N, C-alpha and C. Protein backbone atom coordinates (compact mmCIF):
# COMPACT_ATOMS: atom_id res chain seq x y z
N UNK A 1 -36.82 -24.66 -30.49
CA UNK A 1 -35.62 -24.69 -30.45
C UNK A 1 -35.61 -25.70 -31.73
N UNK A 2 -35.19 -25.45 -32.89
CA UNK A 2 -34.90 -26.39 -33.74
C UNK A 2 -33.27 -27.36 -33.84
N UNK A 3 -33.30 -28.32 -34.41
CA UNK A 3 -31.92 -29.62 -34.05
C UNK A 3 -30.77 -28.78 -34.16
N UNK A 4 -30.51 -27.83 -35.30
CA UNK A 4 -29.47 -27.31 -35.50
C UNK A 4 -28.78 -26.12 -34.31
N UNK A 5 -29.84 -25.28 -34.19
CA UNK A 5 -29.48 -24.71 -32.91
C UNK A 5 -29.09 -25.19 -31.45
N UNK A 6 -29.95 -26.34 -31.49
CA UNK A 6 -29.21 -26.86 -30.12
C UNK A 6 -28.21 -27.78 -30.61
N UNK A 7 -27.63 -28.29 -31.49
CA UNK A 7 -26.51 -28.84 -31.58
C UNK A 7 -25.04 -27.88 -32.25
N UNK A 8 -25.52 -26.28 -32.18
CA UNK A 8 -24.57 -25.33 -32.06
C UNK A 8 -24.39 -25.26 -30.77
N UNK A 9 -25.65 -24.85 -29.92
CA UNK A 9 -25.14 -24.69 -28.42
C UNK A 9 -24.51 -25.35 -27.63
N UNK A 10 -24.68 -27.05 -27.89
CA UNK A 10 -24.27 -28.00 -26.86
C UNK A 10 -22.68 -27.95 -27.64
N UNK A 11 -22.01 -27.15 -28.84
CA UNK A 11 -20.73 -27.56 -28.85
C UNK A 11 -20.23 -26.21 -28.47
N UNK A 12 -20.94 -25.28 -28.29
CA UNK A 12 -20.23 -23.56 -27.88
C UNK A 12 -20.43 -23.86 -26.37
N UNK A 13 -21.10 -24.48 -25.56
CA UNK A 13 -21.48 -24.18 -24.02
C UNK A 13 -20.04 -24.92 -23.45
N UNK A 14 -19.53 -26.37 -24.05
CA UNK A 14 -18.59 -26.75 -23.06
C UNK A 14 -17.36 -26.12 -23.44
N UNK A 15 -17.24 -25.23 -24.81
CA UNK A 15 -15.99 -24.27 -24.91
C UNK A 15 -16.02 -23.04 -24.03
N UNK A 16 -17.27 -22.57 -24.15
CA UNK A 16 -17.47 -21.30 -23.20
C UNK A 16 -16.78 -21.55 -21.73
N UNK A 17 -17.68 -23.03 -20.78
CA UNK A 17 -17.51 -23.37 -19.92
C UNK A 17 -15.80 -23.61 -19.45
N UNK A 18 -15.35 -23.89 -20.73
CA UNK A 18 -13.73 -24.63 -20.13
C UNK A 18 -12.75 -23.22 -20.01
N UNK A 19 -13.19 -22.04 -20.84
CA UNK A 19 -12.88 -20.43 -20.90
C UNK A 19 -12.67 -19.86 -19.48
N UNK A 20 -13.95 -19.79 -19.33
CA UNK A 20 -14.77 -19.42 -17.98
C UNK A 20 -13.88 -19.91 -16.64
N UNK A 21 -13.78 -21.53 -16.55
CA UNK A 21 -13.31 -21.97 -15.62
C UNK A 21 -11.45 -21.65 -15.61
N UNK A 22 -11.18 -21.52 -16.67
CA UNK A 22 -9.67 -21.21 -16.96
C UNK A 22 -9.09 -19.89 -16.38
N UNK A 23 -10.02 -18.99 -16.69
CA UNK A 23 -9.76 -17.34 -15.76
C UNK A 23 -10.13 -17.73 -14.70
N UNK A 24 -10.95 -18.50 -14.04
CA UNK A 24 -11.38 -18.38 -12.61
C UNK A 24 -10.23 -18.81 -11.93
N UNK A 25 -9.74 -20.64 -12.43
CA UNK A 25 -8.73 -21.35 -11.80
C UNK A 25 -7.49 -20.65 -11.95
N UNK A 26 -7.22 -19.92 -13.17
CA UNK A 26 -5.68 -19.73 -13.40
C UNK A 26 -5.56 -17.97 -12.89
N UNK A 27 -6.38 -17.61 -12.25
CA UNK A 27 -6.59 -16.11 -11.77
C UNK A 27 -5.17 -16.14 -11.18
N UNK A 28 -4.27 -14.83 -11.43
CA UNK A 28 -3.56 -14.74 -10.67
C UNK A 28 -2.09 -15.41 -10.78
N UNK A 29 -2.26 -16.20 -11.80
CA UNK A 29 -1.28 -17.44 -11.87
C UNK A 29 -0.67 -16.91 -13.65
N UNK A 30 0.15 -16.00 -13.31
CA UNK A 30 0.61 -15.34 -14.72
C UNK A 30 1.10 -16.76 -15.81
N UNK A 31 1.91 -17.35 -15.37
CA UNK A 31 2.67 -18.20 -16.41
C UNK A 31 1.63 -19.41 -17.01
N UNK A 32 0.49 -19.33 -16.35
CA UNK A 32 -0.57 -20.43 -17.08
C UNK A 32 -1.53 -19.39 -17.85
N UNK A 33 -2.17 -18.11 -17.65
CA UNK A 33 -3.28 -16.98 -17.93
C UNK A 33 -2.58 -16.42 -18.83
N UNK A 34 -3.20 -17.13 -20.05
CA UNK A 34 -2.57 -16.61 -21.32
C UNK A 34 -3.28 -15.43 -21.70
N UNK A 35 -4.00 -14.94 -20.53
CA UNK A 35 -4.74 -13.54 -20.32
C UNK A 35 -3.59 -12.27 -20.19
N UNK A 36 -2.71 -12.64 -19.46
CA UNK A 36 -1.48 -12.19 -18.84
C UNK A 36 -0.02 -12.21 -19.20
N UNK A 37 -0.01 -11.62 -20.53
CA UNK A 37 0.83 -11.80 -21.36
C UNK A 37 1.74 -10.27 -21.19
N UNK A 38 0.78 -8.84 -20.70
CA UNK A 38 1.47 -8.22 -20.07
C UNK A 38 2.21 -7.68 -18.57
N UNK A 39 1.99 -8.81 -18.05
CA UNK A 39 2.15 -8.63 -16.83
C UNK A 39 3.92 -8.70 -16.24
N UNK A 40 3.73 -7.34 -15.37
CA UNK A 40 5.31 -7.36 -15.09
C UNK A 40 5.47 -8.45 -14.03
N UNK A 41 6.47 -9.18 -14.11
CA UNK A 41 7.32 -10.31 -13.07
C UNK A 41 7.83 -9.29 -11.96
N UNK A 42 7.26 -10.13 -10.86
CA UNK A 42 7.79 -9.35 -9.07
C UNK A 42 9.68 -10.00 -9.61
N UNK A 43 10.28 -8.62 -8.94
CA UNK A 43 11.62 -8.59 -9.16
C UNK A 43 12.09 -9.49 -8.15
N UNK A 44 13.55 -9.88 -8.48
CA UNK A 44 14.33 -10.88 -8.08
C UNK A 44 15.96 -10.21 -7.42
N UNK A 45 16.18 -10.32 -5.94
CA UNK A 45 17.73 -9.70 -6.00
C UNK A 45 18.34 -11.40 -5.62
N UNK A 46 19.16 -11.14 -6.61
CA UNK A 46 20.56 -12.53 -6.32
C UNK A 46 21.29 -11.83 -5.30
N UNK A 47 21.94 -10.91 -5.52
CA UNK A 47 23.25 -10.64 -4.96
C UNK A 47 23.25 -8.67 -5.07
N UNK A 48 24.02 -8.23 -3.93
CA UNK A 48 24.53 -7.01 -3.87
C UNK A 48 25.90 -6.96 -4.29
N UNK A 49 26.36 -5.92 -4.84
CA UNK A 49 27.92 -5.54 -5.61
C UNK A 49 28.86 -5.91 -3.88
N UNK A 50 28.28 -5.25 -3.11
CA UNK A 50 28.60 -5.45 -1.81
C UNK A 50 28.05 -5.65 -0.96
N UNK A 51 28.42 -6.41 -0.01
CA UNK A 51 26.99 -6.74 1.45
C UNK A 51 27.53 -6.19 2.46
N UNK A 52 28.63 -5.57 2.76
CA UNK A 52 29.32 -4.85 3.68
C UNK A 52 30.29 -3.51 3.07
N UNK A 53 29.59 -2.49 3.40
CA UNK A 53 30.82 -1.31 3.09
C UNK A 53 31.00 -0.31 4.77
N UNK A 54 31.61 0.66 4.09
CA UNK A 54 31.58 1.25 5.54
C UNK A 54 30.96 2.83 4.92
N UNK A 55 31.46 3.54 6.75
CA UNK A 55 30.12 4.60 6.38
C UNK A 55 30.70 5.76 5.75
N UNK A 56 32.18 5.73 5.73
CA UNK A 56 33.26 6.59 5.48
C UNK A 56 32.53 6.38 3.75
N UNK A 57 32.15 5.15 3.08
CA UNK A 57 31.84 5.00 1.57
C UNK A 57 30.81 5.56 1.55
N UNK A 58 30.11 5.34 2.33
CA UNK A 58 28.33 6.19 2.12
C UNK A 58 28.35 7.90 1.75
N UNK A 59 29.37 8.35 3.15
CA UNK A 59 29.63 9.66 3.21
C UNK A 59 30.14 9.97 1.74
N UNK A 60 31.02 9.16 0.96
CA UNK A 60 31.35 9.92 -0.58
C UNK A 60 30.52 9.28 -1.49
N UNK A 61 29.45 8.92 -1.26
CA UNK A 61 28.69 8.07 -2.36
C UNK A 61 29.05 7.09 -3.15
N UNK A 62 27.85 6.14 -2.44
CA UNK A 62 28.49 4.51 -2.83
C UNK A 62 27.41 4.39 -3.94
N UNK A 63 28.82 3.24 -5.19
CA UNK A 63 27.47 3.15 -5.93
C UNK A 63 27.19 1.35 -6.13
N UNK A 64 26.12 1.56 -5.39
CA UNK A 64 25.81 0.12 -5.22
C UNK A 64 25.04 -0.57 -6.36
N UNK A 65 25.88 -2.09 -6.83
CA UNK A 65 24.76 -2.27 -7.76
C UNK A 65 24.17 -3.47 -7.40
N UNK A 66 22.86 -3.72 -7.93
CA UNK A 66 21.87 -4.77 -7.47
C UNK A 66 21.72 -5.81 -8.62
N UNK A 67 22.23 -7.09 -8.13
CA UNK A 67 21.69 -8.40 -9.11
C UNK A 67 20.98 -9.10 -9.27
N UNK A 68 20.31 -9.65 -9.94
CA UNK A 68 19.13 -10.43 -10.02
C UNK A 68 18.56 -10.73 -11.15
N UNK A 69 17.03 -10.76 -11.05
CA UNK A 69 16.29 -11.06 -12.57
C UNK A 69 14.97 -9.91 -12.56
N UNK A 70 14.56 -10.23 -13.32
CA UNK A 70 13.22 -9.71 -13.71
C UNK A 70 12.77 -8.19 -13.87
N UNK A 71 13.95 -7.44 -13.83
CA UNK A 71 14.08 -6.02 -13.85
C UNK A 71 13.52 -5.79 -14.83
N UNK A 72 12.60 -4.38 -14.97
CA UNK A 72 12.08 -3.66 -15.85
C UNK A 72 12.73 -2.17 -16.13
N UNK A 73 12.44 -1.18 -17.07
CA UNK A 73 12.80 0.34 -16.78
C UNK A 73 12.03 0.50 -15.73
N UNK A 74 10.95 0.44 -14.80
CA UNK A 74 10.36 1.15 -14.03
C UNK A 74 10.89 0.35 -12.56
N UNK A 75 11.77 -0.81 -12.52
CA UNK A 75 11.94 -0.97 -11.43
C UNK A 75 13.09 0.12 -10.75
N UNK A 76 12.77 0.21 -9.33
CA UNK A 76 13.34 1.00 -8.46
C UNK A 76 14.06 0.22 -7.15
N UNK A 77 15.29 0.72 -6.60
CA UNK A 77 15.75 0.18 -5.49
C UNK A 77 15.17 0.77 -4.64
N UNK A 78 14.73 0.37 -3.60
CA UNK A 78 14.55 1.02 -1.90
C UNK A 78 15.21 0.64 -0.78
N UNK A 79 15.35 1.46 0.03
CA UNK A 79 16.39 1.46 1.02
C UNK A 79 16.10 1.59 2.63
N UNK A 80 15.81 1.11 3.13
CA UNK A 80 15.08 1.17 4.71
C UNK A 80 13.62 2.14 4.10
N UNK A 81 13.02 1.93 3.16
CA UNK A 81 11.60 2.54 2.67
C UNK A 81 11.79 3.64 1.79
N UNK A 82 13.23 4.05 1.44
CA UNK A 82 13.45 5.39 0.72
C UNK A 82 13.16 5.13 -0.67
N UNK A 83 12.67 4.94 -1.40
CA UNK A 83 13.24 4.88 -2.99
C UNK A 83 14.03 5.73 -3.46
N UNK A 84 14.97 5.23 -4.16
CA UNK A 84 16.06 5.96 -5.03
C UNK A 84 16.07 5.97 -6.35
N UNK A 85 17.04 6.79 -7.03
CA UNK A 85 16.90 7.32 -8.21
C UNK A 85 17.53 6.20 -8.41
N UNK A 86 17.12 5.13 -9.56
CA UNK A 86 18.08 3.90 -9.87
C UNK A 86 17.92 3.72 -11.46
N UNK A 87 19.42 3.62 -11.95
CA UNK A 87 19.65 3.49 -13.23
C UNK A 87 19.50 2.10 -13.46
N UNK A 88 18.62 1.23 -14.51
CA UNK A 88 18.56 -0.27 -14.73
C UNK A 88 19.46 -0.12 -15.98
N UNK A 89 20.32 -1.20 -15.72
CA UNK A 89 21.48 -1.42 -16.97
C UNK A 89 20.61 -2.28 -17.44
N UNK A 90 20.22 -3.55 -17.18
CA UNK A 90 19.92 -4.23 -17.84
C UNK A 90 18.51 -5.33 -17.27
N UNK A 91 17.82 -6.37 -17.66
CA UNK A 91 16.95 -7.22 -17.17
C UNK A 91 17.64 -7.48 -15.67
N UNK A 92 18.99 -7.89 -15.36
CA UNK A 92 19.78 -8.74 -14.38
C UNK A 92 20.63 -7.13 -13.34
N UNK A 93 20.26 -6.29 -13.79
CA UNK A 93 21.48 -5.38 -12.86
C UNK A 93 20.99 -3.80 -12.90
N UNK A 94 20.71 -3.48 -11.50
CA UNK A 94 20.18 -2.00 -11.24
C UNK A 94 21.45 -1.48 -10.48
N UNK A 95 21.25 -0.18 -10.56
CA UNK A 95 22.75 1.03 -10.05
C UNK A 95 21.99 2.05 -9.13
N UNK A 96 22.70 2.27 -7.86
CA UNK A 96 22.17 3.45 -7.22
C UNK A 96 23.56 4.31 -6.55
N UNK A 97 23.11 5.33 -6.18
CA UNK A 97 23.88 5.92 -5.12
C UNK A 97 23.58 6.01 -3.69
N UNK A 98 24.44 5.44 -3.04
CA UNK A 98 24.06 5.06 -1.69
C UNK A 98 24.27 6.52 -0.84
N UNK A 99 24.21 7.49 -0.21
CA UNK A 99 24.34 8.36 0.31
C UNK A 99 24.03 8.73 1.61
N UNK A 100 24.84 9.50 2.47
CA UNK A 100 24.27 9.65 3.82
C UNK A 100 23.24 10.35 4.01
N UNK A 101 21.97 10.56 3.03
CA UNK A 101 20.42 11.09 2.70
C UNK A 101 20.14 9.69 3.24
N UNK A 102 20.23 8.83 2.46
CA UNK A 102 19.71 7.53 2.76
C UNK A 102 20.30 6.92 4.07
N UNK A 103 21.57 6.46 4.59
CA UNK A 103 22.08 5.70 5.55
C UNK A 103 22.82 7.11 6.23
N UNK A 104 22.64 6.91 7.34
CA UNK A 104 22.84 8.37 8.46
C UNK A 104 23.79 7.57 9.06
N UNK A 105 23.99 6.41 9.69
CA UNK A 105 24.71 6.09 10.46
C UNK A 105 25.31 4.80 10.31
N UNK A 106 26.41 4.15 10.44
CA UNK A 106 26.61 2.22 10.87
C UNK A 106 25.60 1.84 11.01
N UNK A 107 25.10 0.50 10.70
CA UNK A 107 24.09 -0.20 11.03
C UNK A 107 23.96 -1.40 9.91
N UNK A 108 22.91 -1.89 9.79
CA UNK A 108 22.12 -2.20 8.86
C UNK A 108 20.96 -1.91 7.67
N UNK A 109 21.02 -2.03 6.74
CA UNK A 109 20.13 -1.50 5.43
C UNK A 109 19.12 -2.56 4.70
N UNK A 110 18.04 -2.44 4.59
CA UNK A 110 16.92 -3.67 4.21
C UNK A 110 17.16 -2.76 2.59
N UNK A 111 17.29 -3.73 1.65
CA UNK A 111 17.71 -3.48 0.36
C UNK A 111 16.81 -4.24 -0.31
N UNK A 112 15.22 -3.23 -1.26
CA UNK A 112 14.59 -4.36 -2.26
C UNK A 112 14.58 -3.58 -3.36
N UNK A 113 13.60 -4.49 -4.28
CA UNK A 113 13.41 -3.75 -5.92
C UNK A 113 12.06 -3.91 -5.77
N UNK A 114 11.55 -2.94 -6.13
CA UNK A 114 9.84 -2.87 -6.48
C UNK A 114 9.80 -2.48 -8.10
N UNK A 115 9.18 -3.11 -8.35
CA UNK A 115 8.42 -2.92 -10.01
C UNK A 115 6.63 -2.87 -9.72
N UNK A 116 6.78 -1.61 -10.05
CA UNK A 116 5.39 -1.06 -10.04
C UNK A 116 4.56 -1.93 -11.06
N UNK A 117 3.12 -2.11 -10.65
CA UNK A 117 2.17 -3.52 -11.46
C UNK A 117 1.72 -2.99 -13.24
N UNK A 118 1.23 -3.39 -13.77
CA UNK A 118 1.40 -3.00 -14.86
C UNK A 118 -0.21 -2.64 -15.09
N UNK A 119 -0.72 -2.72 -16.18
CA UNK A 119 -1.99 -2.04 -16.60
C UNK A 119 -3.08 -3.84 -16.53
N UNK A 120 -2.37 -4.61 -16.22
CA UNK A 120 -3.17 -6.02 -16.40
C UNK A 120 -4.15 -6.23 -15.39
N UNK A 121 -4.35 -5.55 -14.46
CA UNK A 121 -4.58 -6.10 -12.95
C UNK A 121 -5.98 -6.70 -12.97
N UNK A 122 -6.65 -6.23 -13.95
CA UNK A 122 -8.64 -6.02 -14.34
C UNK A 122 -8.54 -7.34 -14.88
N UNK A 123 -7.36 -8.41 -15.21
CA UNK A 123 -7.79 -9.32 -15.83
C UNK A 123 -7.54 -10.90 -15.10
N UNK A 124 -6.99 -10.11 -13.84
CA UNK A 124 -6.67 -11.58 -13.14
C UNK A 124 -5.40 -11.40 -12.77
N UNK A 125 -4.74 -10.47 -12.95
CA UNK A 125 -3.21 -10.94 -13.34
C UNK A 125 -2.40 -10.60 -12.28
N UNK A 126 -1.37 -11.59 -11.86
CA UNK A 126 -0.75 -10.29 -10.79
C UNK A 126 0.32 -9.82 -11.25
N UNK A 127 1.02 -8.49 -10.99
CA UNK A 127 1.74 -7.69 -11.73
C UNK A 127 2.64 -7.20 -11.04
N UNK A 128 4.06 -6.76 -11.28
CA UNK A 128 4.99 -5.75 -9.99
C UNK A 128 4.70 -7.06 -9.06
N UNK A 129 5.41 -5.99 -8.02
CA UNK A 129 6.01 -6.59 -6.90
C UNK A 129 6.93 -6.13 -6.35
N UNK A 130 7.42 -6.35 -5.05
CA UNK A 130 8.52 -6.00 -4.38
C UNK A 130 9.51 -7.42 -3.90
N UNK A 131 10.73 -7.56 -4.39
CA UNK A 131 11.46 -8.40 -4.07
C UNK A 131 11.57 -9.13 -2.69
N UNK A 132 12.44 -9.66 -2.41
CA UNK A 132 12.68 -10.62 -0.93
C UNK A 132 13.63 -9.34 -0.27
N UNK A 133 14.27 -8.88 1.08
CA UNK A 133 15.15 -8.32 1.67
C UNK A 133 16.35 -8.70 1.27
N UNK A 134 17.01 -8.05 1.07
CA UNK A 134 18.58 -8.05 1.01
C UNK A 134 19.14 -7.27 1.95
N UNK A 135 20.28 -7.88 2.95
CA UNK A 135 20.59 -6.67 4.23
C UNK A 135 22.27 -6.29 3.92
N UNK A 136 22.50 -4.90 3.63
CA UNK A 136 23.60 -3.99 3.46
C UNK A 136 24.11 -3.66 4.85
N UNK A 137 25.26 -4.63 5.29
CA UNK A 137 25.88 -3.75 6.33
C UNK A 137 27.01 -2.40 6.35
N UNK A 138 26.93 -1.49 7.33
CA UNK A 138 27.58 -0.49 7.29
C UNK A 138 28.00 -0.20 8.48
N UNK A 139 29.69 -0.21 8.36
CA UNK A 139 30.53 -0.25 9.51
C UNK A 139 31.06 0.93 9.66
């Protein structure tokens, strides 16, 4: 191998090694992985428009607003495991109508927001996810 090829190889290998190390180490770390630019963030619930509602409200069809962050057009509200038709009003607000089809009696209901993953999973990026649970009390 001639000298010019060896010098070029010495220059190329450290850069390639750094890139491979970054891809392995930063795998799943969307904030730092430059390949994850299109990944959807996991949603965060900050509050519900009401923490307690009456069962009469449910029977009439209660409009529940979920406030938070990282909502995208494909985010949906899930109550007790049932995915509801969700209106995304902004990246910080979602709205759903809670009816007796969803909640059949007084008690508590677990409310989450789910965002389906994007198409960047093959790059080692996390995408989408489910928020932590907020509890809605029905009296």
